[in-house]
Amino acid sequence: IDNNKQGNLTLNEEIAMAKQIDTLTNFVSLEQNSLSNITEKINNFNIIFEQLKRLTNTTSMEDVISTYIAQEEEMFSLYNFIQSMNADIDTTLENTSLIDNEI
């Protein structure tokens, strides 16, 4: 192909090509914005991961997850204990009320 040769496109072909170039340019721009947003999200996740490692005194994601699971299990156990204590208190209050009524 001779690079110095002028093209033989008709006006309609040039208009169609210009529209296609505009469409592709817009697509590339949207993709670049999307890539920029994804990169920003990844950077934010990395910052949060570093904070989690510091807060949990761990060095890997597996350690962070293990620490989280252990703490969740402990919190659930404490929740169940509190629920049991509340049930015992309610029973005691009911029994106390019955005794007061008998007296």
Protein backbone atom coordinates (compact mmCIF):
# COMPACT_ATOMS: atom_id res chain seq x y z
CA ILE A 1 0.00 0.00 0.00
CA ASP A 2 1.35 3.40 -0.99
CA ASN A 3 1.19 5.66 2.09
CA ASN A 4 1.51 8.76 -0.08
CA LYS A 5 -1.58 7.87 -2.13
CA GLN A 6 -4.72 9.88 -1.41
CA GLY A 7 -7.85 7.92 -0.50
CA ASN A 8 -10.78 7.39 -2.81
CA LEU A 9 -13.56 7.42 -0.20
CA THR A 10 -16.89 8.92 -1.05
CA LEU A 11 -18.38 11.55 1.23
CA ASN A 12 -20.78 8.98 2.69
CA GLU A 13 -17.93 6.55 3.33
CA GLU A 14 -15.93 9.29 5.07
CA ILE A 15 -18.94 10.23 7.20
CA ALA A 16 -19.51 6.57 8.11
CA MET A 17 -15.83 6.15 8.97
CA ALA A 18 -15.86 9.33 11.08
CA LYS A 19 -18.90 8.03 12.97
CA GLN A 20 -17.17 4.70 13.55
CA ILE A 21 -14.03 6.48 14.80
CA ASP A 22 -16.18 8.62 17.10
CA THR A 23 -17.94 5.52 18.44
CA LEU A 24 -14.63 3.75 19.03
CA THR A 25 -13.15 6.85 20.67
CA ASN A 26 -16.11 7.02 23.05
CA PHE A 27 -15.78 3.31 23.78
CA VAL A 28 -12.07 3.69 24.58
CA SER A 29 -12.84 6.66 26.82
CA LEU A 30 -15.49 4.68 28.72
CA GLU A 31 -13.15 1.72 29.08
CA GLN A 32 -10.39 3.99 30.41
CA ASN A 33 -12.80 5.49 32.95
CA SER A 34 -13.92 2.01 33.95
CA LEU A 35 -10.31 0.89 34.32
CA SER A 36 -9.57 3.97 36.40
CA ASN A 37 -12.55 3.22 38.69
CA ILE A 38 -11.50 -0.41 39.08
CA THR A 39 -7.93 0.63 39.85
CA GLU A 40 -9.21 3.06 42.49
CA LYS A 41 -11.36 0.33 44.06
CA ILE A 42 -8.40 -2.06 44.14
CA ASN A 43 -6.28 0.61 45.82
CA ASN A 44 -9.04 1.19 48.39
CA PHE A 45 -9.28 -2.56 49.05
CA ASN A 46 -5.51 -2.70 49.54
CA ILE A 47 -5.67 0.19 52.03
CA ILE A 48 -8.48 -1.53 53.94
CA PHE A 49 -6.60 -4.83 53.87
CA GLU A 50 -3.52 -3.14 55.36
CA GLN A 51 -5.72 -1.62 58.09
CA LEU A 52 -7.25 -5.03 58.83
CA LYS A 53 -3.82 -6.63 59.06
CA ARG A 54 -2.69 -3.89 61.45
CA LEU A 55 -5.86 -4.10 63.59
CA THR A 56 -5.72 -7.90 63.83
CA ASN A 57 -1.92 -8.12 64.16
CA THR A 58 -1.80 -10.51 61.22
CA THR A 59 0.16 -10.68 57.99
CA SER A 60 -2.07 -12.49 55.50
CA MET A 61 -5.65 -12.56 54.34
CA GLU A 62 -6.03 -16.09 55.71
CA ASP A 63 -4.95 -14.86 59.15
CA VAL A 64 -7.37 -11.92 58.97
CA ILE A 65 -10.22 -14.30 58.05
CA SER A 66 -9.29 -16.78 60.79
CA THR A 67 -9.15 -13.99 63.36
CA TYR A 68 -12.50 -12.64 62.18
CA ILE A 69 -14.15 -16.07 62.34
CA ALA A 70 -12.78 -16.70 65.83
CA GLN A 71 -14.08 -13.33 67.04
CA GLU A 72 -17.47 -13.92 65.40
CA GLU A 73 -17.76 -17.31 67.10
CA GLU A 74 -16.91 -15.72 70.45
CA MET A 75 -19.45 -12.92 69.91
CA PHE A 76 -22.14 -15.46 68.96
CA SER A 77 -21.33 -17.49 72.06
CA LEU A 78 -21.64 -14.36 74.22
CA TYR A 79 -24.92 -13.48 72.50
CA ASN A 80 -26.32 -16.94 73.28
CA PHE A 81 -25.14 -16.60 76.89
CA ILE A 82 -26.90 -13.24 77.22
CA GLN A 83 -30.08 -14.67 75.70
CA SER A 84 -29.94 -17.53 78.21
CA MET A 85 -29.39 -15.09 81.09
CA ASN A 86 -32.33 -12.96 79.92
CA ALA A 87 -34.54 -16.04 79.83
CA ASP A 88 -33.42 -16.98 83.37
CA ILE A 89 -34.13 -13.44 84.59
CA ASP A 90 -37.59 -13.50 83.02
CA THR A 91 -38.33 -16.86 84.69
CA THR A 92 -37.05 -15.57 88.05
CA LEU A 93 -39.16 -12.41 87.77
CA GLU A 94 -42.24 -14.46 86.93
CA ASN A 95 -41.60 -16.79 89.89
CA THR A 96 -41.02 -13.81 92.17
CA SER A 97 -44.29 -12.28 91.01
CA LEU A 98 -46.13 -15.54 91.71
CA ILE A 99 -44.62 -15.78 95.19
CA ASP A 100 -45.53 -12.13 95.89
CA ASN A 101 -49.11 -12.86 94.86
CA GLU A 102 -49.25 -15.88 97.18
CA ILE A 103 -47.97 -13.84 100.09
